[in-house]
């Protein structure tokens, strides 16, 4: 072979062996695909308020999804907070996780996963991901309807060891509540600033918003603007419908944690017992074996968290887990309030946590 032909052969070999700078750049900036769908939700049918039973769901498919048509992926189910929808996770006005996860995957700091964000908002601002004869069976909607739809329509590793559940605020509560009860479906939990884990903080005090709740009419409630001054009014009505539903009470089809007596707020202990029966802090012994079987639990909130019950109940829940020898991580991070560091937590903790804990094997 002549020297000229040999040089040409080596040149051709190098072209195929080493991708061009353009090819390398394309690989480093590969983006996942966000798919917005509506899915049927049989678990929500028959709710008293006739809320729509076809719900929006955002599905993130990782950068390599289309390029590897037989590859299967773990799935993270990402639950939004009170007063929000699934859009909080995917838009610039919210936490917009897709470019965050793209960057982590391209940088080798997270593995390729499917992420599913369902919409669990209702006429009260949030379902709290609980089954209720009033608002519908939202727990079943998540672990049954959404999971079944995703496994049927996308290339998932359809087993508990490859599914994680996460959320913030109301979604953090949902992640813990659903995750600890359904370890046959999910194997790892991440709760960011989870609300309502226990009857603590402002739930133990006769908050003035309860008086407004007790005196407001349905017409007034539905005209009430969603401003910071009214936030607890909305939250307490939504919590009541989820934690203490009562189809015979025609006002809001629920019982309230407080009643008015001689112009003062008096706590309804029977209703408080209903709330506590659905709060994870008081369910640890019941679900201890489930919790021990999980591949990971991560709890966090920011040091400037505004809601007292979140700070207190999350710490108590962590203590309860530790006392029973249940492995988990609990972190109070610097500079964070209820929302301002969520994007940072997604980048530095959440997606990396699931990359380490979920089962990626295709066996």
Protein backbone atom coordinates (compact mmCIF):
# COMPACT_ATOMS: atom_id res chain seq x y z
CA UNK A 1 0.00 0.00 0.00
CA UNK A 2 1.35 3.39 -0.97
CA UNK A 3 2.07 6.00 1.70
CA UNK A 4 -0.65 8.21 0.20
CA UNK A 5 -3.30 5.47 0.45
CA UNK A 6 -2.15 4.58 3.99
CA UNK A 7 -2.49 8.20 5.11
CA UNK A 8 -5.97 8.42 3.61
CA UNK A 9 -7.05 5.20 5.40
CA UNK A 10 -5.78 6.49 8.73
CA UNK A 11 -7.62 9.80 8.15
CA UNK A 12 -10.92 7.99 7.42
CA UNK A 13 -10.43 5.80 10.51
CA UNK A 14 -9.90 8.84 12.71
CA UNK A 15 -13.08 10.48 11.39
CA UNK A 16 -15.16 7.50 12.46
CA UNK A 17 -13.29 6.85 15.71
CA UNK A 18 -13.46 10.41 17.01
CA UNK A 19 -16.66 12.47 16.69
CA UNK A 20 -16.33 15.96 15.36
CA UNK A 21 -16.46 19.01 17.62
CA UNK A 22 -19.97 19.66 16.33
CA UNK A 23 -21.04 16.10 17.18
CA UNK A 24 -19.54 16.38 20.66
CA UNK A 25 -21.27 19.73 21.25
CA UNK A 26 -24.60 18.29 20.13
CA UNK A 27 -24.19 15.41 22.56
CA UNK A 28 -23.30 17.77 25.41
CA UNK A 29 -26.36 19.94 24.78
CA UNK A 30 -28.88 17.17 24.06
CA UNK A 31 -32.31 18.08 25.39
CA UNK A 32 -35.12 15.94 26.66
CA UNK A 33 -38.65 16.24 25.33
CA UNK A 34 -41.63 17.54 27.31
CA UNK A 35 -44.96 15.99 26.38
CA UNK A 36 -48.22 17.53 27.63
CA UNK A 37 -51.08 15.03 27.74
CA UNK A 38 -54.50 14.46 29.26
CA UNK A 39 -55.27 11.10 30.81
CA UNK A 40 -58.50 9.43 31.98
CA UNK A 41 -58.80 9.20 35.76
CA UNK A 42 -61.37 6.59 36.81
CA UNK A 43 -60.43 7.05 40.48
CA UNK A 44 -61.87 10.58 40.46
CA UNK A 45 -65.25 9.71 38.99
CA UNK A 46 -68.28 10.37 41.14
CA UNK A 47 -66.81 13.17 43.24
CA UNK A 48 -69.49 15.42 44.70
CA UNK A 49 -68.25 18.56 42.97
CA UNK A 50 -68.06 16.89 39.56
CA UNK A 51 -64.54 18.14 39.01
CA UNK A 52 -63.17 17.10 35.64
CA UNK A 53 -61.99 13.51 35.56
CA UNK A 54 -59.60 13.91 32.64
CA UNK A 55 -56.46 15.50 34.02
CA UNK A 56 -53.39 17.24 32.61
CA UNK A 57 -50.06 15.46 33.03
CA UNK A 58 -46.59 16.64 31.99
CA UNK A 59 -44.17 13.89 30.90
CA UNK A 60 -40.43 14.54 30.49
CA UNK A 61 -38.61 12.07 28.25
CA UNK A 62 -34.81 12.13 28.61
CA UNK A 63 -32.45 13.13 25.77
CA UNK A 64 -31.74 9.58 24.69
CA UNK A 65 -35.34 8.39 24.66
CA UNK A 66 -35.96 8.65 20.90
CA UNK A 67 -32.44 7.61 19.93
CA UNK A 68 -32.64 4.27 21.78
CA UNK A 69 -36.07 2.86 20.86
CA UNK A 70 -35.81 -0.25 23.05
CA UNK A 71 -34.28 1.24 26.18
CA UNK A 72 -36.39 1.29 29.36
CA UNK A 73 -36.23 4.02 32.02
CA UNK A 74 -36.96 4.57 35.71
CA UNK A 75 -39.68 7.11 36.50
CA UNK A 76 -39.95 9.92 39.05
CA UNK A 77 -43.46 11.10 39.91
CA UNK A 78 -43.26 14.79 40.82
CA UNK A 79 -46.16 16.22 42.85
CA UNK A 80 -46.94 19.95 42.98
CA UNK A 81 -47.89 22.07 45.98
CA UNK A 82 -51.12 23.63 47.18
CA UNK A 83 -52.66 26.26 44.89
CA UNK A 84 -50.46 25.15 41.97
CA UNK A 85 -50.75 22.79 39.03
CA UNK A 86 -48.29 20.54 37.21
CA UNK A 87 -47.19 23.63 35.25
CA UNK A 88 -45.24 24.86 38.28
CA UNK A 89 -42.62 22.23 37.40
CA UNK A 90 -42.28 22.98 33.70
CA UNK A 91 -42.56 26.74 33.12
CA UNK A 92 -40.29 29.73 33.64
CA UNK A 93 -42.73 31.21 36.18
CA UNK A 94 -42.21 28.06 38.26
CA UNK A 95 -39.31 25.69 38.81
CA UNK A 96 -38.88 24.59 35.16
CA UNK A 97 -37.03 21.35 35.82
CA UNK A 98 -36.45 20.08 32.22
CA UNK A 99 -33.38 22.26 31.46
CA UNK A 100 -32.05 21.49 34.95
CA UNK A 101 -32.27 17.75 34.38
CA UNK A 102 -30.94 18.09 30.82
CA UNK A 103 -27.84 19.83 32.15
CA UNK A 104 -27.32 17.24 34.88
CA UNK A 105 -27.65 14.37 32.40
CA UNK A 106 -25.34 16.01 29.84
CA UNK A 107 -22.83 16.72 32.59
CA UNK A 108 -22.88 13.15 33.87
CA UNK A 109 -24.33 14.20 37.23
CA UNK A 110 -27.70 12.45 36.81
CA UNK A 111 -28.86 9.42 34.88
CA UNK A 112 -31.57 9.43 32.24
CA UNK A 113 -35.03 9.16 33.79
CA UNK A 114 -38.62 9.84 32.83
CA UNK A 115 -40.29 12.45 35.04
CA UNK A 116 -44.07 12.65 35.35
CA UNK A 117 -45.87 15.66 36.85
CA UNK A 118 -49.63 15.17 37.29
CA UNK A 119 -52.15 17.93 37.98
CA UNK A 120 -53.85 17.48 41.36
CA UNK A 121 -55.41 20.93 41.73
CA UNK A 122 -59.15 21.07 42.42
CA UNK A 123 -61.80 23.66 43.26
CA UNK A 124 -60.30 24.04 46.74
CA UNK A 125 -56.80 24.66 45.42
CA UNK A 126 -55.48 21.19 46.14
CA UNK A 127 -56.46 17.60 46.77
CA UNK A 128 -53.64 16.84 49.25
CA UNK A 129 -53.37 13.56 47.35
CA UNK A 130 -55.83 11.87 49.69
CA UNK A 131 -58.85 9.72 48.93
CA UNK A 132 -62.04 11.61 49.74
CA UNK A 133 -65.70 10.86 49.03
CA UNK A 134 -66.09 14.61 48.50
CA UNK A 135 -63.25 15.54 46.15
CA UNK A 136 -62.40 12.12 44.71
CA UNK A 137 -59.80 9.42 45.29
CA UNK A 138 -56.64 11.39 44.59
CA UNK A 139 -54.29 8.89 46.20
CA UNK A 140 -55.62 6.19 43.89
CA UNK A 141 -55.35 8.61 40.96
CA UNK A 142 -51.61 8.93 41.52
CA UNK A 143 -50.48 5.42 42.37
CA UNK A 144 -53.00 3.61 40.20
CA UNK A 145 -54.32 5.71 37.27
CA UNK A 146 -51.24 7.78 36.45
CA UNK A 147 -48.71 5.01 36.99
CA UNK A 148 -50.72 2.53 34.89
CA UNK A 149 -51.10 5.04 32.06
CA UNK A 150 -47.41 5.92 32.02
CA UNK A 151 -46.29 2.27 32.10
CA UNK A 152 -48.66 1.47 29.24
CA UNK A 153 -47.71 4.38 27.00
CA UNK A 154 -44.00 4.95 27.67
CA UNK A 155 -40.92 2.75 27.91
CA UNK A 156 -40.64 2.41 31.66
CA UNK A 157 -38.99 -0.03 34.01
CA UNK A 158 -42.38 -1.00 35.38
CA UNK A 159 -41.46 -2.07 38.90
CA UNK A 160 -41.33 -0.44 42.32
CA UNK A 161 -37.53 -0.47 42.54
CA UNK A 162 -37.40 1.81 39.49
CA UNK A 163 -40.07 4.29 40.59
CA UNK A 164 -39.60 7.28 42.87
CA UNK A 165 -42.05 9.84 44.19
CA UNK A 166 -41.23 13.43 45.14
CA UNK A 167 -42.92 16.76 45.75
CA UNK A 168 -42.90 20.05 47.57
CA UNK A 169 -45.39 21.52 50.06
CA UNK A 170 -48.67 19.60 49.54
CA UNK A 171 -46.73 17.46 47.07
CA UNK A 172 -44.15 16.66 49.74
CA UNK A 173 -46.97 15.44 51.96
CA UNK A 174 -48.34 13.41 49.05
CA UNK A 175 -44.93 11.87 48.35
CA UNK A 176 -44.55 10.71 51.96
CA UNK A 177 -48.17 9.66 52.44
CA UNK A 178 -48.44 7.71 49.18
CA UNK A 179 -44.86 6.47 49.18
CA UNK A 180 -44.98 4.94 52.67
CA UNK A 181 -48.28 3.17 51.97
CA UNK A 182 -47.55 1.88 48.48
CA UNK A 183 -44.05 0.41 48.55
CA UNK A 184 -45.27 -2.11 45.99
CA UNK A 185 -45.40 0.84 43.57
CA UNK A 186 -42.63 3.25 44.73
CA UNK A 187 -39.25 2.57 46.31
CA UNK A 188 -37.82 6.03 47.05
CA UNK A 189 -39.28 9.23 48.52
CA UNK A 190 -38.07 12.83 48.41
CA UNK A 191 -40.16 15.43 50.29
CA UNK A 192 -39.29 19.14 49.95
CA UNK A 193 -40.80 21.37 52.64
CA UNK A 194 -43.61 18.85 53.17
CA UNK A 195 -46.80 20.23 54.66
CA UNK A 196 -49.17 18.50 57.03
CA UNK A 197 -46.97 15.64 58.26
CA UNK A 198 -48.28 16.22 61.79
CA UNK A 199 -50.71 18.22 63.91
CA UNK A 200 -48.18 20.85 64.91
CA UNK A 201 -47.52 24.60 64.77
CA UNK A 202 -50.40 26.64 63.41
CA UNK A 203 -52.69 23.59 63.41
CA UNK A 204 -52.58 23.59 67.23
CA UNK A 205 -53.59 27.23 67.56
CA UNK A 206 -56.98 28.87 66.89
CA UNK A 207 -55.75 30.66 63.78
CA UNK A 208 -57.97 33.70 63.00
CA UNK A 209 -58.58 32.40 59.46
CA UNK A 210 -60.75 29.66 60.97
CA UNK A 211 -63.29 32.26 62.06
CA UNK A 212 -63.49 33.51 58.51
CA UNK A 213 -63.93 29.95 57.24
CA UNK A 214 -66.76 29.34 59.70
CA UNK A 215 -68.59 32.52 58.72
CA UNK A 216 -68.06 32.60 54.97
CA UNK A 217 -70.72 31.47 52.50
CA UNK A 218 -69.99 29.31 49.49
CA UNK A 219 -70.74 32.27 47.21
CA UNK A 220 -68.31 34.50 49.12
CA UNK A 221 -65.66 31.79 49.15
CA UNK A 222 -65.73 31.28 45.40
CA UNK A 223 -65.39 35.05 44.84
CA UNK A 224 -62.51 35.37 47.29
CA UNK A 225 -59.31 36.54 45.55
CA UNK A 226 -56.28 34.32 45.99
CA UNK A 227 -54.06 36.83 47.75
CA UNK A 228 -51.58 36.32 50.62
CA UNK A 229 -54.18 37.68 53.04
CA UNK A 230 -56.55 34.87 52.10
CA UNK A 231 -54.09 31.99 51.84
CA UNK A 232 -55.03 30.32 55.13
CA UNK A 233 -58.74 30.61 54.34
CA UNK A 234 -58.23 28.60 51.16
CA UNK A 235 -55.83 26.16 52.81
CA UNK A 236 -58.15 25.40 55.73
CA UNK A 237 -61.14 24.76 53.45
CA UNK A 238 -59.02 22.53 51.20
CA UNK A 239 -57.53 20.66 54.15
CA UNK A 240 -60.99 20.07 55.60
CA UNK A 241 -62.33 18.54 52.40
CA UNK A 242 -59.33 16.20 52.25
CA UNK A 243 -58.82 15.32 55.92
CA UNK A 244 -62.37 15.41 57.30
CA UNK A 245 -64.87 15.02 54.43
CA UNK A 246 -68.53 14.89 55.36
CA UNK A 247 -71.02 14.58 52.52
CA UNK A 248 -73.89 15.51 54.86
CA UNK A 249 -72.47 18.95 55.62
CA UNK A 250 -73.84 20.91 52.65
CA UNK A 251 -71.68 24.02 53.12
CA UNK A 252 -68.28 22.63 52.13
CA UNK A 253 -69.03 18.91 52.50
CA UNK A 254 -66.51 18.65 55.33
CA UNK A 255 -66.11 19.10 59.07
CA UNK A 256 -63.89 21.86 60.42
CA UNK A 257 -61.09 21.64 62.94
CA UNK A 258 -62.58 24.53 64.91
CA UNK A 259 -66.09 25.65 65.79
CA UNK A 260 -67.32 29.01 67.03
CA UNK A 261 -68.59 29.17 70.59
CA UNK A 262 -69.49 32.47 72.30
CA UNK A 263 -67.47 34.35 69.69
CA UNK A 264 -64.36 32.23 70.29
CA UNK A 265 -62.73 29.39 68.40
CA UNK A 266 -62.96 25.99 70.10
CA UNK A 267 -61.16 22.97 68.75
CA UNK A 268 -63.17 19.96 67.54
CA UNK A 269 -61.22 17.06 69.00
CA UNK A 270 -63.14 14.44 66.99
CA UNK A 271 -62.17 16.24 63.78
CA UNK A 272 -58.57 16.60 64.98
CA UNK A 273 -58.49 12.82 65.38
CA UNK A 274 -59.58 12.42 61.74
CA UNK A 275 -56.77 14.71 60.61
CA UNK A 276 -54.15 12.87 62.68
CA UNK A 277 -55.30 9.52 61.28
CA UNK A 278 -54.10 10.70 57.85
CA UNK A 279 -50.85 12.36 58.93
CA UNK A 280 -47.62 10.40 58.39
CA UNK A 281 -46.12 11.40 61.76
CA UNK A 282 -48.66 9.17 63.49
CA UNK A 283 -48.48 6.33 60.94
CA UNK A 284 -44.82 5.33 61.28
CA UNK A 285 -45.46 2.27 63.44
CA UNK A 286 -48.25 1.07 61.15
CA UNK A 287 -46.02 1.32 58.07
CA UNK A 288 -42.65 0.58 59.68
CA UNK A 289 -41.99 -2.53 57.58
CA UNK A 290 -42.84 -0.58 54.41
CA UNK A 291 -40.55 2.28 55.37
CA UNK A 292 -37.71 -0.13 56.13
CA UNK A 293 -38.08 -1.65 52.67
CA UNK A 294 -37.57 1.63 50.80
CA UNK A 295 -34.37 2.29 48.86
CA UNK A 296 -34.22 5.86 50.15
CA UNK A 297 -36.04 8.64 52.03
CA UNK A 298 -34.96 12.30 51.88
CA UNK A 299 -36.66 15.11 53.82
CA UNK A 300 -35.70 18.76 53.70
CA UNK A 301 -36.79 22.35 54.28
CA UNK A 302 -35.08 25.74 54.28
CA UNK A 303 -33.88 27.45 57.43
CA UNK A 304 -36.27 30.34 56.70
CA UNK A 305 -39.34 28.16 56.18
CA UNK A 306 -42.40 30.33 56.87
CA UNK A 307 -44.86 27.64 57.99
CA UNK A 308 -44.18 26.57 61.61
CA UNK A 309 -45.89 23.19 61.29
CA UNK A 310 -43.54 22.24 58.43
CA UNK A 311 -40.45 22.93 60.52
CA UNK A 312 -41.78 21.14 63.59
CA UNK A 313 -43.52 18.15 62.02
CA UNK A 314 -40.72 17.36 59.55
CA UNK A 315 -38.17 17.29 62.38
CA UNK A 316 -40.47 15.11 64.50
CA UNK A 317 -41.07 12.75 61.58
CA UNK A 318 -37.31 12.41 61.10
CA UNK A 319 -36.89 11.69 64.81
CA UNK A 320 -39.63 9.08 64.68
CA UNK A 321 -37.92 7.36 61.74
CA UNK A 322 -34.54 7.44 63.49
CA UNK A 323 -35.97 5.99 66.72
CA UNK A 324 -37.24 3.00 64.74
CA UNK A 325 -34.02 2.48 62.84
CA UNK A 326 -35.47 3.58 59.49
CA UNK A 327 -32.66 4.93 57.26
CA UNK A 328 -33.26 8.40 55.83
CA UNK A 329 -31.68 11.79 55.26
CA UNK A 330 -33.01 14.99 56.82
CA UNK A 331 -31.51 18.32 55.82
CA UNK A 332 -32.25 21.91 56.83
CA UNK A 333 -30.53 23.98 54.17
CA UNK A 334 -29.21 27.53 54.37
CA UNK A 335 -31.00 30.53 52.88
CA UNK A 336 -34.17 28.72 51.90
CA UNK A 337 -37.75 29.73 52.58
CA UNK A 338 -40.82 27.79 51.49
CA UNK A 339 -40.11 28.08 47.73
CA UNK A 340 -37.07 30.13 46.82
CA UNK A 341 -34.54 27.29 46.71
CA UNK A 342 -36.64 24.54 45.10
CA UNK A 343 -34.88 24.85 41.72
CA UNK A 344 -31.54 24.64 43.48
CA UNK A 345 -32.67 21.55 45.41
CA UNK A 346 -33.77 19.88 42.18
CA UNK A 347 -30.31 20.46 40.78
CA UNK A 348 -28.17 19.63 43.81
CA UNK A 349 -30.21 16.98 45.59
CA UNK A 350 -33.44 15.60 44.11
CA UNK A 351 -32.41 14.27 40.70
CA UNK A 352 -29.05 13.08 41.99
CA UNK A 353 -30.80 11.27 44.86
CA UNK A 354 -33.01 9.30 42.49
CA UNK A 355 -30.07 8.64 40.13
CA UNK A 356 -28.34 6.91 43.05
CA UNK A 357 -31.32 5.12 44.61
CA UNK A 358 -33.47 3.84 41.76
CA UNK A 359 -32.83 0.59 39.93
CA UNK A 360 -31.68 1.28 36.35
CA UNK A 361 -30.97 -2.33 35.40
CA UNK A 362 -32.86 -3.80 32.44
CA UNK A 363 -33.14 -7.36 33.66
